[in-house]
PDB file of N, CA and C in Angstrom:
ATOM      1  N   UNK A   1      91.371 104.735 117.930  1.00  0.00           N
ATOM      2  CA  UNK A   1      90.486 103.666 118.331  1.00  0.00           C
ATOM      3  C   UNK A   1      89.051 104.177 118.304  1.00  0.00           C
ATOM      4  N   UNK A   2      88.174 103.314 117.977  1.00  0.00           N
ATOM      5  CA  UNK A   2      86.770 103.690 117.895  1.00  0.00           C
ATOM      6  C   UNK A   2      85.998 103.158 119.102  1.00  0.00           C
ATOM      7  N   UNK A   3      84.717 103.445 119.122  1.00  0.00           N
ATOM      8  CA  UNK A   3      83.868 102.913 120.180  1.00  0.00           C
ATOM      9  C   UNK A   3      83.602 101.431 119.988  1.00  0.00           C
ATOM     10  N   UNK A   4      83.798 100.933 118.786  1.00  0.00           N
ATOM     11  CA  UNK A   4      83.497  99.544 118.478  1.00  0.00           C
ATOM     12  C   UNK A   4      84.680  98.608 118.720  1.00  0.00           C
ATOM     13  N   UNK A   5      85.879  99.136 118.670  1.00  0.00           N
ATOM     14  CA  UNK A   5      87.071  98.311 118.828  1.00  0.00           C
ATOM     15  C   UNK A   5      87.935  98.904 119.939  1.00  0.00           C
ATOM     16  N   UNK A   6      88.221  98.115 120.940  1.00  0.00           N
ATOM     17  CA  UNK A   6      88.991  98.600 122.087  1.00  0.00           C
ATOM     18  C   UNK A   6      90.494  98.390 121.928  1.00  0.00           C
ATOM     19  N   UNK A   7      90.922  97.793 120.801  1.00  0.00           N
ATOM     20  CA  UNK A   7      92.350  97.592 120.548  1.00  0.00           C
ATOM     21  C   UNK A   7      92.808  98.603 119.505  1.00  0.00           C
ATOM     22  N   UNK A   8      94.063  99.019 119.592  1.00  0.00           N
ATOM     23  CA  UNK A   8      94.548  99.977 118.617  1.00  0.00           C
ATOM     24  C   UNK A   8      96.052  99.925 118.445  1.00  0.00           C
ATOM     25  N   UNK A   9      96.490 100.448 117.307  1.00  0.00           N
ATOM     26  CA  UNK A   9      97.907 100.578 117.000  1.00  0.00           C
ATOM     27  C   UNK A   9      98.142 102.039 116.630  1.00  0.00           C
ATOM     28  N   UNK A  10      99.052 102.671 117.338  1.00  0.00           N
ATOM     29  CA  UNK A  10      99.426 104.046 117.042  1.00  0.00           C
ATOM     30  C   UNK A  10     100.786 104.019 116.357  1.00  0.00           C
ATOM     31  N   UNK A  11     100.885 104.674 115.220  1.00  0.00           N
ATOM     32  CA  UNK A  11     102.124 104.686 114.451  1.00  0.00           C
ATOM     33  C   UNK A  11     102.703 106.090 114.437  1.00  0.00           C
ATOM     34  N   UNK A  12     104.027 106.164 114.500  1.00  0.00           N
ATOM     35  CA  UNK A  12     104.694 107.455 114.452  1.00  0.00           C
ATOM     36  C   UNK A  12     105.978 107.310 113.648  1.00  0.00           C
ATOM     37  N   UNK A  13     106.153 108.194 112.679  1.00  0.00           N
ATOM     38  CA  UNK A  13     107.382 108.225 111.894  1.00  0.00           C
ATOM     39  C   UNK A  13     108.355 109.142 112.617  1.00  0.00           C
ATOM     40  N   UNK A  14     109.475 108.599 113.056  1.00  0.00           N
ATOM     41  CA  UNK A  14     110.448 109.357 113.837  1.00  0.00           C
ATOM     42  C   UNK A  14     111.501 109.964 112.926  1.00  0.00           C
ATOM     43  N   UNK A  15     112.134 111.005 113.382  1.00  0.00           N
ATOM     44  CA  UNK A  15     113.179 111.685 112.601  1.00  0.00           C
ATOM     45  C   UNK A  15     114.404 110.801 112.463  1.00  0.00           C
ATOM     46  N   UNK A  16     115.106 110.929 111.326  1.00  0.00           N
ATOM     47  CA  UNK A  16     116.367 110.198 111.187  1.00  0.00           C
ATOM     48  C   UNK A  16     117.436 110.816 112.084  1.00  0.00           C
ATOM     49  N   UNK A  17     118.449 110.037 112.394  1.00  0.00           N
ATOM     50  CA  UNK A  17     119.541 110.564 113.217  1.00  0.00           C
ATOM     51  C   UNK A  17     120.444 111.449 112.364  1.00  0.00           C
ATOM     52  N   UNK A  18     121.209 112.272 113.003  1.00  0.00           N
ATOM     53  CA  UNK A  18     122.140 113.164 112.302  1.00  0.00           C
ATOM     54  C   UNK A  18     123.215 112.348 111.585  1.00  0.00           C
ATOM     55  N   UNK A  19     123.603 111.244 112.177  1.00  0.00           N
ATOM     56  CA  UNK A  19     124.664 110.405 111.622  1.00  0.00           C
ATOM     57  C   UNK A  19     124.207 109.687 110.350  1.00  0.00           C
ATOM     58  N   UNK A  20     122.938 109.276 110.304  1.00  0.00           N
ATOM     59  CA  UNK A  20     122.423 108.503 109.177  1.00  0.00           C
ATOM     60  C   UNK A  20     121.172 109.172 108.603  1.00  0.00           C
ATOM     61  N   UNK A  21     121.332 110.073 107.625  1.00  0.00           N
ATOM     62  CA  UNK A  21     120.175 110.785 107.085  1.00  0.00           C
ATOM     63  C   UNK A  21     119.201 109.899 106.298  1.00  0.00           C
ATOM     64  N   UNK A  22     119.616 108.707 105.862  1.00  0.00           N
ATOM     65  CA  UNK A  22     118.723 107.794 105.145  1.00  0.00           C
ATOM     66  C   UNK A  22     117.960 106.870 106.097  1.00  0.00           C
ATOM     67  N   UNK A  23     118.165 107.065 107.387  1.00  0.00           N
ATOM     68  CA  UNK A  23     117.507 106.228 108.379  1.00  0.00           C
ATOM     69  C   UNK A  23     116.010 106.554 108.445  1.00  0.00           C
ATOM     70  N   UNK A  24     115.191 105.517 108.525  1.00  0.00           N
ATOM     71  CA  UNK A  24     113.747 105.651 108.699  1.00  0.00           C
ATOM     72  C   UNK A  24     113.385 104.818 109.918  1.00  0.00           C
ATOM     73  N   UNK A  25     112.708 105.451 110.887  1.00  0.00           N
ATOM     74  CA  UNK A  25     112.286 104.751 112.097  1.00  0.00           C
ATOM     75  C   UNK A  25     110.779 104.894 112.265  1.00  0.00           C
ATOM     76  N   UNK A  26     110.115 103.775 112.464  1.00  0.00           N
ATOM     77  CA  UNK A  26     108.671 103.776 112.684  1.00  0.00           C
ATOM     78  C   UNK A  26     108.416 103.188 114.061  1.00  0.00           C
ATOM     79  N   UNK A  27     107.769 103.985 114.914  1.00  0.00           N
ATOM     80  CA  UNK A  27     107.407 103.532 116.246  1.00  0.00           C
ATOM     81  C   UNK A  27     105.968 103.030 116.206  1.00  0.00           C
ATOM     82  N   UNK A  28     105.736 101.840 116.795  1.00  0.00           N
ATOM     83  CA  UNK A  28     104.411 101.228 116.829  1.00  0.00           C
ATOM     84  C   UNK A  28     104.027 100.983 118.282  1.00  0.00           C
ATOM     85  N   UNK A  29     102.921 101.574 118.705  1.00  0.00           N
ATOM     86  CA  UNK A  29     102.436 101.381 120.066  1.00  0.00           C
ATOM     87  C   UNK A  29     101.137 100.591 119.998  1.00  0.00           C
ATOM     88  N   UNK A  30     101.114  99.453 120.663  1.00  0.00           N
ATOM     89  CA  UNK A  30      99.932  98.598 120.730  1.00  0.00           C
ATOM     90  C   UNK A  30      99.288  98.807 122.095  1.00  0.00           C
ATOM     91  N   UNK A  31      97.960  98.990 122.122  1.00  0.00           N
ATOM     92  CA  UNK A  31      97.304  99.272 123.397  1.00  0.00           C
ATOM     93  C   UNK A  31      95.853  98.813 123.386  1.00  0.00           C
ATOM     94  N   UNK A  32      95.312  98.673 124.581  1.00  0.00           N
ATOM     95  CA  UNK A  32      93.889  98.437 124.795  1.00  0.00           C
ATOM     96  C   UNK A  32      93.308  99.694 125.426  1.00  0.00           C
ATOM     97  N   UNK A  33      92.119 100.081 125.004  1.00  0.00           N
ATOM     98  CA  UNK A  33      91.475 101.279 125.527  1.00  0.00           C
ATOM     99  C   UNK A  33      90.435 100.886 126.562  1.00  0.00           C
ATOM    100  N   UNK A  34      90.470 101.579 127.706  1.00  0.00           N
ATOM    101  CA  UNK A  34      89.466 101.354 128.740  1.00  0.00           C
ATOM    102  C   UNK A  34      88.698 102.656 128.951  1.00  0.00           C
ATOM    103  N   UNK A  35      87.387 102.540 128.944  1.00  0.00           N
ATOM    104  CA  UNK A  35      86.540 103.698 129.151  1.00  0.00           C
ATOM    105  C   UNK A  35      86.149 103.779 130.617  1.00  0.00           C
ATOM    106  N   UNK A  36      86.191 104.972 131.155  1.00  0.00           N
ATOM    107  CA  UNK A  36      85.805 105.190 132.546  1.00  0.00           C
ATOM    108  C   UNK A  36      84.936 106.425 132.665  1.00  0.00           C
ATOM    109  N   UNK A  37      84.644 106.813 133.878  1.00  0.00           N
ATOM    110  CA  UNK A  37      83.819 108.001 134.106  1.00  0.00           C
ATOM    111  C   UNK A  37      84.488 108.868 135.159  1.00  0.00           C
ATOM    112  N   UNK A  38      84.605 110.160 134.862  1.00  0.00           N
ATOM    113  CA  UNK A  38      85.182 111.128 135.784  1.00  0.00           C
ATOM    114  C   UNK A  38      84.034 111.848 136.496  1.00  0.00           C
ATOM    115  N   UNK A  39      83.761 111.506 137.774  1.00  0.00           N
ATOM    116  CA  UNK A  39      82.609 112.104 138.469  1.00  0.00           C
ATOM    117  C   UNK A  39      82.783 113.592 138.760  1.00  0.00           C
ATOM    118  N   UNK A  40      84.005 114.078 138.876  1.00  0.00           N
ATOM    119  CA  UNK A  40      84.233 115.494 139.157  1.00  0.00           C
ATOM    120  C   UNK A  40      83.802 116.345 137.964  1.00  0.00           C
ATOM    121  N   UNK A  41      84.254 115.963 136.776  1.00  0.00           N
ATOM    122  CA  UNK A  41      83.917 116.722 135.567  1.00  0.00           C
ATOM    123  C   UNK A  41      82.668 116.201 134.872  1.00  0.00           C
ATOM    124  N   UNK A  42      82.130 115.105 135.389  1.00  0.00           N
ATOM    125  CA  UNK A  42      80.963 114.463 134.783  1.00  0.00           C
ATOM    126  C   UNK A  42      81.181 114.208 133.300  1.00  0.00           C
ATOM    127  N   UNK A  43      82.271 113.533 133.041  1.00  0.00           N
ATOM    128  CA  UNK A  43      82.661 113.277 131.659  1.00  0.00           C
ATOM    129  C   UNK A  43      83.250 111.880 131.541  1.00  0.00           C
ATOM    130  N   UNK A  44      83.179 111.345 130.360  1.00  0.00           N
ATOM    131  CA  UNK A  44      83.778 110.040 130.078  1.00  0.00           C
ATOM    132  C   UNK A  44      85.288 110.218 129.946  1.00  0.00           C
ATOM    133  N   UNK A  45      86.048 109.310 130.529  1.00  0.00           N
ATOM    134  CA  UNK A  45      87.505 109.355 130.426  1.00  0.00           C
ATOM    135  C   UNK A  45      88.002 108.063 129.782  1.00  0.00           C
ATOM    136  N   UNK A  46      89.151 108.162 129.171  1.00  0.00           N
ATOM    137  CA  UNK A  46      89.752 107.001 128.502  1.00  0.00           C
ATOM    138  C   UNK A  46      91.174 106.820 128.998  1.00  0.00           C
ATOM    139  N   UNK A  47      91.593 105.580 129.117  1.00  0.00           N
ATOM    140  CA  UNK A  47      92.980 105.288 129.460  1.00  0.00           C
ATOM    141  C   UNK A  47      93.451 104.116 128.615  1.00  0.00           C
ATOM    142  N   UNK A  48      94.757 104.060 128.400  1.00  0.00           N
ATOM    143  CA  UNK A  48      95.345 102.981 127.621  1.00  0.00           C
ATOM    144  C   UNK A  48      95.922 101.939 128.563  1.00  0.00           C
ATOM    145  N   UNK A  49      95.580 100.701 128.317  1.00  0.00           N
ATOM    146  CA  UNK A  49      96.053  99.583 129.125  1.00  0.00           C
ATOM    147  C   UNK A  49      96.934  98.679 128.285  1.00  0.00           C
ATOM    148  N   UNK A  50      97.757  97.914 128.926  1.00  0.00           N
ATOM    149  CA  UNK A  50      98.576  96.907 128.261  1.00  0.00           C
ATOM    150  C   UNK A  50      99.300  97.499 127.058  1.00  0.00           C
ATOM    151  N   UNK A  51      99.844  98.682 127.239  1.00  0.00           N
ATOM    152  CA  UNK A  51     100.516  99.386 126.155  1.00  0.00           C
ATOM    153  C   UNK A  51     101.963  98.923 126.033  1.00  0.00           C
ATOM    154  N   UNK A  52     102.383  98.632 124.812  1.00  0.00           N
ATOM    155  CA  UNK A  52     103.793  98.333 124.576  1.00  0.00           C
ATOM    156  C   UNK A  52     104.223  98.937 123.252  1.00  0.00           C
ATOM    157  N   UNK A  53     105.485  99.332 123.172  1.00  0.00           N
ATOM    158  CA  UNK A  53     106.017 100.044 122.016  1.00  0.00           C
ATOM    159  C   UNK A  53     107.125  99.217 121.375  1.00  0.00           C
ATOM    160  N   UNK A  54     107.075  99.151 120.057  1.00  0.00           N
ATOM    161  CA  UNK A  54     108.098  98.466 119.274  1.00  0.00           C
ATOM    162  C   UNK A  54     108.529  99.396 118.150  1.00  0.00           C
ATOM    163  N   UNK A  55     109.782  99.253 117.707  1.00  0.00           N
ATOM    164  CA  UNK A  55     110.310 100.155 116.699  1.00  0.00           C
ATOM    165  C   UNK A  55     110.940  99.360 115.561  1.00  0.00           C
ATOM    166  N   UNK A  56     110.603  99.774 114.335  1.00  0.00           N
ATOM    167  CA  UNK A  56     111.221  99.203 113.136  1.00  0.00           C
ATOM    168  C   UNK A  56     112.177 100.250 112.578  1.00  0.00           C
ATOM    169  N   UNK A  57     113.381  99.816 112.192  1.00  0.00           N
ATOM    170  CA  UNK A  57     114.416 100.738 111.740  1.00  0.00           C
ATOM    171  C   UNK A  57     114.922 100.323 110.364  1.00  0.00           C
ATOM    172  N   UNK A  58     115.069 101.316 109.490  1.00  0.00           N
ATOM    173  CA  UNK A  58     115.635 101.096 108.168  1.00  0.00           C
ATOM    174  C   UNK A  58     116.808 102.046 107.984  1.00  0.00           C
ATOM    175  N   UNK A  59     117.896 101.555 107.422  1.00  0.00           N
ATOM    176  CA  UNK A  59     119.052 102.410 107.147  1.00  0.00           C
ATOM    177  C   UNK A  59     119.225 102.676 105.658  1.00  0.00           C
ATOM    178  N   UNK A  60     118.251 102.234 104.856  1.00  0.00           N
ATOM    179  CA  UNK A  60     118.348 102.428 103.405  1.00  0.00           C
ATOM    180  C   UNK A  60     117.139 103.163 102.841  1.00  0.00           C
ATOM    181  N   UNK A  61     116.608 104.098 103.597  1.00  0.00           N
ATOM    182  CA  UNK A  61     115.505 104.921 103.125  1.00  0.00           C
ATOM    183  C   UNK A  61     114.146 104.248 103.152  1.00  0.00           C
ATOM    184  N   UNK A  62     114.013 103.134 103.822  1.00  0.00           N
ATOM    185  CA  UNK A  62     112.727 102.459 103.952  1.00  0.00           C
ATOM    186  C   UNK A  62     112.566 101.235 103.067  1.00  0.00           C
ATOM    187  N   UNK A  63     113.628 100.821 102.378  1.00  0.00           N
ATOM    188  CA  UNK A  63     113.540  99.630 101.519  1.00  0.00           C
ATOM    189  C   UNK A  63     113.475  98.349 102.353  1.00  0.00           C
ATOM    190  N   UNK A  64     114.295  98.262 103.388  1.00  0.00           N
ATOM    191  CA  UNK A  64     114.288  97.098 104.277  1.00  0.00           C
ATOM    192  C   UNK A  64     114.273  97.589 105.720  1.00  0.00           C
ATOM    193  N   UNK A  65     113.602  96.857 106.575  1.00  0.00           N
ATOM    194  CA  UNK A  65     113.494  97.198 107.986  1.00  0.00           C
ATOM    195  C   UNK A  65     113.986  96.046 108.846  1.00  0.00           C
ATOM    196  N   UNK A  66     114.461  96.377 110.038  1.00  0.00           N
ATOM    197  CA  UNK A  66     114.801  95.383 111.048  1.00  0.00           C
ATOM    198  C   UNK A  66     114.033  95.714 112.321  1.00  0.00           C
ATOM    199  N   UNK A  67     113.793  94.673 113.112  1.00  0.00           N
ATOM    200  CA  UNK A  67     113.101  94.853 114.387  1.00  0.00           C
ATOM    201  C   UNK A  67     113.709  93.942 115.426  1.00  0.00           C
ATOM    202  N   UNK A  68     113.705  94.408 116.667  1.00  0.00           N
ATOM    203  CA  UNK A  68     114.082  93.593 117.813  1.00  0.00           C
ATOM    204  C   UNK A  68     112.842  93.417 118.673  1.00  0.00           C
ATOM    205  N   UNK A  69     112.795  92.372 119.447  1.00  0.00           N
ATOM    206  CA  UNK A  69     111.698  92.124 120.389  1.00  0.00           C
ATOM    207  C   UNK A  69     110.323  92.172 119.720  1.00  0.00           C
ATOM    208  N   UNK A  70     110.132  91.313 118.746  1.00  0.00           N
ATOM    209  CA  UNK A  70     108.857  91.234 118.023  1.00  0.00           C
ATOM    210  C   UNK A  70     107.819  90.527 118.895  1.00  0.00           C
ATOM    211  N   UNK A  71     106.606  91.106 119.033  1.00  0.00           N
ATOM    212  CA  UNK A  71     105.553  90.443 119.813  1.00  0.00           C
ATOM    213  C   UNK A  71     104.780  89.434 118.959  1.00  0.00           C
ATOM    214  N   UNK A  72     103.979  88.618 119.604  1.00  0.00           N
ATOM    215  CA  UNK A  72     103.103  87.669 118.902  1.00  0.00           C
ATOM    216  C   UNK A  72     101.864  88.430 118.439  1.00  0.00           C
ATOM    217  N   UNK A  73     101.845  88.856 117.177  1.00  0.00           N
ATOM    218  CA  UNK A  73     100.725  89.665 116.692  1.00  0.00           C
ATOM    219  C   UNK A  73      99.609  88.844 116.067  1.00  0.00           C
ATOM    220  N   UNK A  74      99.896  87.618 115.649  1.00  0.00           N
ATOM    221  CA  UNK A  74      98.841  86.812 115.020  1.00  0.00           C
ATOM    222  C   UNK A  74      98.128  85.898 116.015  1.00  0.00           C
ATOM    223  N   UNK A  75      98.566  85.904 117.266  1.00  0.00           N
ATOM    224  CA  UNK A  75      97.865  85.188 118.326  1.00  0.00           C
ATOM    225  C   UNK A  75      97.969  83.679 118.286  1.00  0.00           C
ATOM    226  N   UNK A  76      98.981  83.148 117.586  1.00  0.00           N
ATOM    227  CA  UNK A  76      99.113  81.692 117.521  1.00  0.00           C
ATOM    228  C   UNK A  76      99.964  81.120 118.647  1.00  0.00           C
ATOM    229  N   UNK A  77     100.416  81.974 119.557  1.00  0.00           N
ATOM    230  CA  UNK A  77     101.148  81.499 120.726  1.00  0.00           C
ATOM    231  C   UNK A  77     102.652  81.438 120.579  1.00  0.00           C
ATOM    232  N   UNK A  78     103.165  81.687 119.382  1.00  0.00           N
ATOM    233  CA  UNK A  78     104.623  81.708 119.227  1.00  0.00           C
ATOM    234  C   UNK A  78     105.038  82.920 118.400  1.00  0.00           C
ATOM    235  N   UNK A  79     106.254  83.362 118.644  1.00  0.00           N
ATOM    236  CA  UNK A  79     106.808  84.503 117.916  1.00  0.00           C
ATOM    237  C   UNK A  79     107.680  83.931 116.811  1.00  0.00           C
ATOM    238  N   UNK A  80     107.254  84.187 115.565  1.00  0.00           N
ATOM    239  CA  UNK A  80     107.959  83.604 114.427  1.00  0.00           C
ATOM    240  C   UNK A  80     108.115  84.626 113.311  1.00  0.00           C
ATOM    241  N   UNK A  81     108.551  84.152 112.158  1.00  0.00           N
ATOM    242  CA  UNK A  81     108.796  85.034 111.023  1.00  0.00           C
ATOM    243  C   UNK A  81     107.521  85.691 110.511  1.00  0.00           C
ATOM    244  N   UNK A  82     106.378  85.054 110.685  1.00  0.00           N
ATOM    245  CA  UNK A  82     105.116  85.655 110.246  1.00  0.00           C
ATOM    246  C   UNK A  82     104.805  86.919 111.047  1.00  0.00           C
ATOM    247  N   UNK A  83     105.036  86.880 112.344  1.00  0.00           N
ATOM    248  CA  UNK A  83     104.815  88.062 113.185  1.00  0.00           C
ATOM    249  C   UNK A  83     105.716  89.207 112.734  1.00  0.00           C
ATOM    250  N   UNK A  84     106.980  88.881 112.503  1.00  0.00           N
ATOM    251  CA  UNK A  84     107.945  89.896 112.080  1.00  0.00           C
ATOM    252  C   UNK A  84     107.577  90.454 110.705  1.00  0.00           C
ATOM    253  N   UNK A  85     107.150  89.602 109.787  1.00  0.00           N
ATOM    254  CA  UNK A  85     106.778  90.039 108.441  1.00  0.00           C
ATOM    255  C   UNK A  85     105.586  90.991 108.470  1.00  0.00           C
ATOM    256  N   UNK A  86     104.617  90.708 109.331  1.00  0.00           N
ATOM    257  CA  UNK A  86     103.441  91.579 109.441  1.00  0.00           C
ATOM    258  C   UNK A  86     103.849  92.965 109.935  1.00  0.00           C
ATOM    259  N   UNK A  87     104.663  93.023 110.959  1.00  0.00           N
ATOM    260  CA  UNK A  87     105.065  94.314 111.521  1.00  0.00           C
ATOM    261  C   UNK A  87     105.983  95.082 110.584  1.00  0.00           C
ATOM    262  N   UNK A  88     106.874  94.394 109.899  1.00  0.00           N
ATOM    263  CA  UNK A  88     107.750  95.070 108.935  1.00  0.00           C
ATOM    264  C   UNK A  88     106.928  95.585 107.756  1.00  0.00           C
ATOM    265  N   UNK A  89     105.937  94.823 107.327  1.00  0.00           N
ATOM    266  CA  UNK A  89     105.043  95.297 106.271  1.00  0.00           C
ATOM    267  C   UNK A  89     104.286  96.550 106.693  1.00  0.00           C
ATOM    268  N   UNK A  90     103.839  96.581 107.939  1.00  0.00           N
ATOM    269  CA  UNK A  90     103.150  97.754 108.476  1.00  0.00           C
ATOM    270  C   UNK A  90     104.085  98.960 108.501  1.00  0.00           C
ATOM    271  N   UNK A  91     105.319  98.758 108.936  1.00  0.00           N
ATOM    272  CA  UNK A  91     106.299  99.845 108.986  1.00  0.00           C
ATOM    273  C   UNK A  91     106.608 100.364 107.580  1.00  0.00           C
ATOM    274  N   UNK A  92     106.781  99.462 106.610  1.00  0.00           N
ATOM    275  CA  UNK A  92     107.046  99.881 105.232  1.00  0.00           C
ATOM    276  C   UNK A  92     105.896 100.699 104.675  1.00  0.00           C
ATOM    277  N   UNK A  93     104.685 100.217 104.882  1.00  0.00           N
ATOM    278  CA  UNK A  93     103.509 100.926 104.372  1.00  0.00           C
ATOM    279  C   UNK A  93     103.389 102.312 105.012  1.00  0.00           C
ATOM    280  N   UNK A  94     103.561 102.382 106.321  1.00  0.00           N
ATOM    281  CA  UNK A  94     103.410 103.661 107.007  1.00  0.00           C
ATOM    282  C   UNK A  94     104.511 104.637 106.623  1.00  0.00           C
ATOM    283  N   UNK A  95     105.712 104.161 106.393  1.00  0.00           N
ATOM    284  CA  UNK A  95     106.821 105.058 106.048  1.00  0.00           C
ATOM    285  C   UNK A  95     106.630 105.701 104.676  1.00  0.00           C
ATOM    286  N   UNK A  96     105.777 105.117 103.840  1.00  0.00           N
ATOM    287  CA  UNK A  96     105.519 105.659 102.497  1.00  0.00           C
ATOM    288  C   UNK A  96     104.438 106.737 102.495  1.00  0.00           C
ATOM    289  N   UNK A  97     103.696 106.879 103.599  1.00  0.00           N
ATOM    290  CA  UNK A  97     102.635 107.884 103.660  1.00  0.00           C
ATOM    291  C   UNK A  97     103.268 109.250 103.923  1.00  0.00           C
ATOM    292  N   UNK A  98     103.030 110.180 103.019  1.00  0.00           N
ATOM    293  CA  UNK A  98     103.649 111.495 103.124  1.00  0.00           C
ATOM    294  C   UNK A  98     102.937 112.387 104.144  1.00  0.00           C
ATOM    295  N   UNK A  99     101.600 112.443 104.082  1.00  0.00           N
ATOM    296  CA  UNK A  99     100.819 113.298 104.990  1.00  0.00           C
ATOM    297  C   UNK A  99      99.824 112.460 105.761  1.00  0.00           C
ATOM    298  N   UNK A 100     100.250 111.868 106.891  1.00  0.00           N
ATOM    299  CA  UNK A 100      99.327 111.033 107.656  1.00  0.00           C
ATOM    300  C   UNK A 100      98.243 111.844 108.339  1.00  0.00           C
TER     301      UNK A 100
END
């Protein structure tokens, strides 16, 4: 997250399970950043607010993903296929990056 945008998405590519070596898991953490001040150290501090984590899972090496508990990411007030498509697209794109 930058100083200009207080919202962020943290992505993490998780290891496949021992049972399914072709499994690809992408963890997505959505959060708001709050800036504060630490008077003891006289330094700026940051904390994450309204943080929630969602995971996309693929069992075919990243060709197709599934998700449970999809949030409303487009802000239209309902959770629909568009929200799921956006997050699955993000997971597919991130899973293809070799050296993040």
